[in-house]
N, C-alpha and C. Protein backbone atom coordinates (compact mmCIF):
# COMPACT_ATOMS: atom_id res chain seq x y z
N MET A 1 77.30 114.11 99.45
CA MET A 1 77.49 114.27 100.78
C MET A 1 78.53 115.26 100.41
N SER A 2 79.04 115.92 101.55
CA SER A 2 80.34 116.79 101.33
C SER A 2 81.60 115.78 101.43
N SER A 3 82.89 116.17 101.35
CA SER A 3 83.36 115.66 101.95
C SER A 3 84.48 115.63 102.91
N SER A 4 83.33 116.22 103.92
CA SER A 4 83.67 116.03 105.75
C SER A 4 82.76 114.91 106.06
N VAL A 5 81.78 114.08 104.85
CA VAL A 5 81.62 112.77 106.17
C VAL A 5 82.56 111.40 104.36
N LEU A 6 83.00 111.09 105.41
CA LEU A 6 84.09 110.20 104.73
C LEU A 6 82.99 108.67 104.52
N VAL A 7 82.62 108.51 102.70
CA VAL A 7 82.04 107.63 102.67
C VAL A 7 83.22 105.90 102.95
N ILE A 8 82.86 104.85 103.28
CA ILE A 8 84.06 103.73 103.66
C ILE A 8 82.93 101.98 103.38
N SER A 9 83.91 101.78 103.25
CA SER A 9 83.40 99.88 102.71
C SER A 9 83.88 99.21 104.03
N ASP A 10 83.80 97.67 103.82
CA ASP A 10 83.50 97.03 105.25
C ASP A 10 85.34 96.88 104.92
N GLU A 11 86.13 97.15 104.53
CA GLU A 11 87.36 96.57 103.98
C GLU A 11 88.00 98.04 104.85
N GLN A 12 87.61 98.98 104.68
CA GLN A 12 87.90 100.20 105.30
C GLN A 12 87.55 100.06 106.72
N PHE A 13 86.33 99.59 107.70
CA PHE A 13 86.29 99.74 108.46
C PHE A 13 86.72 99.78 109.46
N GLU A 14 88.03 98.82 109.88
CA GLU A 14 88.59 98.45 111.01
C GLU A 14 89.70 99.89 111.40
N THR A 15 90.31 100.25 110.05
CA THR A 15 91.70 101.32 109.58
C THR A 15 90.62 102.72 110.14
N GLU A 16 89.91 103.17 109.48
CA GLU A 16 88.61 104.13 109.58
C GLU A 16 88.16 104.31 110.52
N VAL A 17 87.48 103.24 111.33
CA VAL A 17 86.61 103.45 112.72
C VAL A 17 87.25 103.12 114.03
N LEU A 18 87.89 101.57 113.80
CA LEU A 18 88.04 101.08 114.66
C LEU A 18 89.95 101.87 115.31
N LYS A 19 90.41 102.04 114.00
CA LYS A 19 91.96 102.25 114.75
C LYS A 19 91.41 103.62 114.70
N ALA A 20 90.75 104.61 114.92
CA ALA A 20 90.09 106.03 114.67
C ALA A 20 91.38 106.74 115.89
N GLU A 21 92.10 107.37 115.94
CA GLU A 21 92.04 108.54 117.23
C GLU A 21 91.51 108.77 117.54
N GLN A 22 90.55 109.51 117.31
CA GLN A 22 89.14 110.42 117.58
C GLN A 22 88.34 109.93 117.91
N PRO A 23 86.69 109.75 118.39
CA PRO A 23 85.41 109.31 118.14
C PRO A 23 84.75 109.36 116.88
N VAL A 24 83.70 107.97 116.48
CA VAL A 24 83.98 107.99 115.35
C VAL A 24 82.44 108.11 115.52
N LEU A 25 81.71 109.06 114.18
CA LEU A 25 79.50 108.18 114.10
C LEU A 25 79.86 107.98 112.70
N ALA A 26 79.16 106.52 112.89
CA ALA A 26 79.02 105.80 111.96
C ALA A 26 78.20 105.83 111.55
N TYR A 27 77.43 106.41 110.21
CA TYR A 27 75.69 106.19 109.95
C TYR A 27 75.62 104.92 108.67
N PHE A 28 75.15 104.44 108.99
CA PHE A 28 74.33 103.15 108.05
C PHE A 28 73.36 103.78 107.14
N TRP A 29 73.28 103.32 105.92
CA TRP A 29 72.00 103.58 105.35
C TRP A 29 72.24 103.21 104.16
N ALA A 30 70.94 103.48 103.01
CA ALA A 30 70.81 102.11 101.92
C ALA A 30 69.70 103.28 100.89
N ALA A 31 69.92 103.33 99.79
CA ALA A 31 69.42 104.61 98.87
C ALA A 31 68.09 104.33 98.59
N TRP A 32 67.64 102.67 99.17
CA TRP A 32 65.69 102.42 99.03
C TRP A 32 65.14 103.32 100.53
N CYS A 33 66.39 103.91 101.03
CA CYS A 33 65.61 103.90 102.49
C CYS A 33 64.85 105.66 102.64
N GLY A 34 64.05 106.07 102.50
CA GLY A 34 63.23 107.36 102.66
C GLY A 34 64.03 107.94 103.99
N PRO A 35 63.99 107.71 105.18
CA PRO A 35 63.92 108.62 106.08
C PRO A 35 65.87 108.58 105.91
N CYS A 36 66.64 107.67 105.51
CA CYS A 36 67.52 108.08 105.19
C CYS A 36 67.90 109.91 104.76
N LYS A 37 67.42 109.63 104.07
CA LYS A 37 67.91 110.65 103.24
C LYS A 37 66.93 112.22 104.02
N LEU A 38 65.95 111.70 105.25
CA LEU A 38 65.80 113.42 105.76
C LEU A 38 66.55 113.43 107.14
N VAL A 39 67.55 112.50 107.56
CA VAL A 39 68.95 112.37 108.50
C VAL A 39 69.91 112.89 107.87
N ALA A 40 70.51 112.42 106.63
CA ALA A 40 71.51 112.69 105.97
C ALA A 40 71.67 114.66 106.19
N PRO A 41 71.37 115.08 106.25
CA PRO A 41 71.40 116.80 106.20
C PRO A 41 71.91 116.88 107.62
N ALA A 42 71.62 115.99 108.54
CA ALA A 42 71.93 116.07 109.88
C ALA A 42 73.10 115.74 110.50
N VAL A 43 73.65 114.49 109.39
CA VAL A 43 74.92 113.36 109.49
C VAL A 43 75.58 114.98 108.83
N GLU A 44 75.38 115.60 107.89
CA GLU A 44 76.43 116.50 107.66
C GLU A 44 76.75 117.67 108.06
N TRP A 45 76.08 117.99 108.29
CA TRP A 45 75.77 118.85 109.84
C TRP A 45 76.87 118.05 111.10
N VAL A 46 76.59 117.53 111.47
CA VAL A 46 77.20 117.20 112.87
C VAL A 46 79.01 117.03 112.13
N ALA A 47 78.80 116.50 110.63
CA ALA A 47 80.31 116.17 110.06
C ALA A 47 80.91 117.25 111.05
N SER A 48 80.53 118.52 109.63
CA SER A 48 80.59 120.12 110.02
C SER A 48 81.06 120.84 111.43
N GLU A 49 80.07 120.35 112.04
CA GLU A 49 80.13 121.22 113.33
C GLU A 49 81.09 120.67 114.91
N TYR A 50 81.37 118.93 114.45
CA TYR A 50 82.16 118.49 115.25
C TYR A 50 83.26 118.02 114.78
N SER A 51 83.96 118.50 113.51
CA SER A 51 84.87 118.01 112.71
C SER A 51 86.24 118.01 113.29
N ASP A 52 86.13 119.44 115.07
CA ASP A 52 87.34 119.33 115.37
C ASP A 52 87.77 118.23 116.45
N ARG A 53 86.96 117.11 116.86
CA ARG A 53 86.78 116.21 117.95
C ARG A 53 85.82 114.96 117.67
N LEU A 54 85.38 114.94 116.26
CA LEU A 54 85.13 113.94 115.88
C LEU A 54 85.09 113.28 114.36
N LYS A 55 85.25 111.76 113.94
CA LYS A 55 84.86 111.80 112.97
C LYS A 55 83.74 111.40 112.28
N VAL A 56 83.15 111.31 110.94
CA VAL A 56 81.85 110.59 110.67
C VAL A 56 82.45 110.17 109.40
N VAL A 57 81.57 109.14 109.33
CA VAL A 57 81.89 107.71 108.07
C VAL A 57 80.00 107.92 107.89
N LYS A 58 79.95 106.86 106.36
CA LYS A 58 79.32 106.65 106.41
C LYS A 58 79.15 105.31 105.59
N MET A 59 78.18 104.32 105.77
CA MET A 59 79.03 103.01 105.11
C MET A 59 77.18 102.38 104.61
N GLU A 60 77.12 102.57 103.21
CA GLU A 60 75.66 102.07 102.38
C GLU A 60 75.64 100.34 102.72
N ILE A 61 74.50 99.73 103.14
CA ILE A 61 74.53 98.63 104.06
C ILE A 61 74.19 97.42 103.28
N ASP A 62 73.90 97.75 101.46
CA ASP A 62 73.49 96.29 100.80
C ASP A 62 74.95 95.86 100.71
N PRO A 63 75.79 96.79 100.08
CA PRO A 63 77.20 95.90 99.62
C PRO A 63 78.18 95.98 100.87
N ASN A 64 77.24 96.41 102.04
CA ASN A 64 78.72 95.88 103.53
C ASN A 64 77.95 95.35 104.29
N PRO A 65 77.85 94.20 103.84
CA PRO A 65 77.11 93.10 105.18
C PRO A 65 77.77 92.69 106.45
N ILE A 66 79.33 92.39 106.53
CA ILE A 66 80.10 92.43 107.70
C ILE A 66 79.90 93.29 108.71
N ALA A 67 79.67 94.92 108.80
CA ALA A 67 79.93 95.87 109.72
C ALA A 67 78.64 95.64 109.92
N VAL A 68 77.76 95.57 109.13
CA VAL A 68 76.11 95.39 109.11
C VAL A 68 75.42 94.36 110.68
N LYS A 69 76.55 93.07 109.96
CA LYS A 69 75.71 92.28 111.24
C LYS A 69 76.78 92.37 112.04
N GLN A 70 78.06 93.00 112.37
CA GLN A 70 78.77 92.65 113.77
C GLN A 70 77.95 93.56 114.41
N TYR A 71 77.51 94.97 114.13
CA TYR A 71 77.25 95.42 114.47
C TYR A 71 75.70 96.13 114.95
N LYS A 72 75.43 94.48 114.24
CA LYS A 72 73.82 94.38 114.78
C LYS A 72 73.14 95.91 114.01
N VAL A 73 72.97 96.31 112.65
CA VAL A 73 72.41 96.85 112.49
C VAL A 73 70.91 96.37 111.57
N GLU A 74 69.67 96.49 112.43
CA GLU A 74 69.10 95.59 111.86
C GLU A 74 67.64 96.98 111.25
N GLY A 75 67.87 98.11 111.08
CA GLY A 75 66.95 98.98 109.95
C GLY A 75 68.00 99.98 109.61
N VAL A 76 67.60 100.99 109.16
CA VAL A 76 68.39 101.92 108.76
C VAL A 76 67.35 103.27 108.33
N PRO A 77 67.80 104.51 108.62
CA PRO A 77 69.15 104.71 109.57
C PRO A 77 68.87 104.68 110.34
N ALA A 78 70.78 103.87 110.83
CA ALA A 78 71.38 103.39 112.42
C ALA A 78 72.69 104.22 112.44
N LEU A 79 72.61 104.77 113.33
CA LEU A 79 74.30 105.56 113.82
C LEU A 79 74.65 104.72 115.07
N ARG A 80 75.85 104.55 114.88
CA ARG A 80 76.46 103.58 115.86
C ARG A 80 77.66 105.15 116.09
N LEU A 81 78.02 105.50 117.64
CA LEU A 81 79.27 106.13 118.10
C LEU A 81 80.41 105.34 118.40
N PHE A 82 81.49 105.12 118.03
CA PHE A 82 82.93 104.58 118.60
C PHE A 82 83.33 105.40 119.21
N LYS A 83 83.70 104.47 120.17
CA LYS A 83 85.25 105.54 121.38
C LYS A 83 86.19 104.41 121.56
N ASP A 84 87.87 104.48 121.25
CA ASP A 84 88.24 103.42 121.31
C ASP A 84 87.75 102.27 120.42
N SER A 85 87.52 102.43 119.50
CA SER A 85 86.79 100.84 118.75
C SER A 85 86.13 100.25 119.69
N GLU A 86 84.71 100.77 120.00
CA GLU A 86 84.17 100.54 121.26
C GLU A 86 82.54 101.20 120.72
N VAL A 87 81.35 100.80 121.15
CA VAL A 87 80.54 101.41 120.45
C VAL A 87 79.94 101.67 122.00
N ILE A 88 79.88 103.29 121.63
CA ILE A 88 79.38 103.73 123.00
C ILE A 88 78.10 104.30 122.83
N ALA A 89 77.55 104.27 121.91
CA ALA A 89 76.07 104.87 121.80
C ALA A 89 75.26 104.30 120.33
N THR A 90 74.12 104.41 120.22
CA THR A 90 73.44 103.34 119.49
C THR A 90 72.24 103.98 118.85
N PHE A 91 71.93 104.51 117.50
CA PHE A 91 70.39 104.72 117.10
C PHE A 91 70.05 104.24 116.06
N GLU A 92 68.66 103.61 116.07
CA GLU A 92 68.16 103.99 114.91
C GLU A 92 67.23 104.40 114.32
N GLY A 93 66.87 104.77 112.98
CA GLY A 93 65.42 104.97 112.51
C GLY A 93 65.74 106.69 112.62
N ALA A 94 65.21 107.68 112.03
CA ALA A 94 64.97 109.32 111.71
C ALA A 94 65.53 109.97 113.25
N ILE A 95 65.57 110.74 113.15
CA ILE A 95 66.72 111.61 114.40
C ILE A 95 66.73 113.01 114.15
N THR A 96 66.69 113.59 114.59
CA THR A 96 66.52 115.62 114.36
C THR A 96 67.72 115.74 114.56
N LYS A 97 67.49 116.81 113.76
CA LYS A 97 69.54 117.54 114.34
C LYS A 97 69.83 117.41 115.60
N GLN A 98 68.91 118.10 115.95
CA GLN A 98 69.04 118.67 117.21
C GLN A 98 69.03 117.29 118.68
N LYS A 99 68.61 116.41 117.99
CA LYS A 99 68.43 115.14 118.61
C LYS A 99 69.93 114.43 118.87
N LEU A 100 70.29 114.38 117.81
CA LEU A 100 71.26 113.70 117.34
C LEU A 100 72.49 114.62 118.33
N ALA A 101 72.41 115.90 118.17
CA ALA A 101 73.41 116.68 118.93
C ALA A 101 73.27 116.20 120.49
N SER A 102 72.38 115.95 120.76
CA SER A 102 72.53 116.29 122.13
C SER A 102 72.83 114.51 122.52
N LEU A 103 72.79 113.62 121.41
CA LEU A 103 73.07 112.56 121.64
C LEU A 103 74.90 112.32 121.78
N LEU A 104 75.12 113.56 120.75
CA LEU A 104 76.50 113.22 120.53
C LEU A 104 77.63 114.02 122.08
N GLU A 105 76.98 115.35 122.40
CA GLU A 105 77.11 116.32 123.60
C GLU A 105 77.45 114.98 125.17
N GLU A 106 76.22 113.95 125.24
CA GLU A 106 76.40 113.11 126.13
C GLU A 106 77.61 112.12 126.45
N HIS A 107 78.38 112.10 125.40
CA HIS A 107 79.37 111.57 124.95
C HIS A 107 80.60 111.89 124.55
N LEU A 108 80.65 113.07 124.19
CA LEU A 108 81.96 113.45 123.63
C LEU A 108 82.40 114.86 124.55
C-alpha cells in the first residue's frame, strides 16, 4: 500500500479517525481475505483521488479486535466512513472503484 493510506491499530483509532478534522474512510481487511486483495487498489485510488477532502486508513482485523467489535465489522473487506467521529456510511464485501466513488460522493 502506498503512503497515502495510513495503516493504524486499535491504539491509534481515536486519534487518527475519531479526532480527525476531515472525513475518514476506514478500510478493515485481513491477510487471508481474497476479496480484500481485489478492493485494496480501489482504496488506494480513493486515497490519492480524494486526498484533499478525505483521509484513508486501513486496519487489519485480527490484531485489532476493539475497533472491529465497536463498529460491528462482521465481514471483510469492510468500509466505514466517519465524519465528526460518527459513522455516516458503511459497506461490507467487495466493491468496485466506481461504486466506492459514488458512495463517497454522496457524503463528501
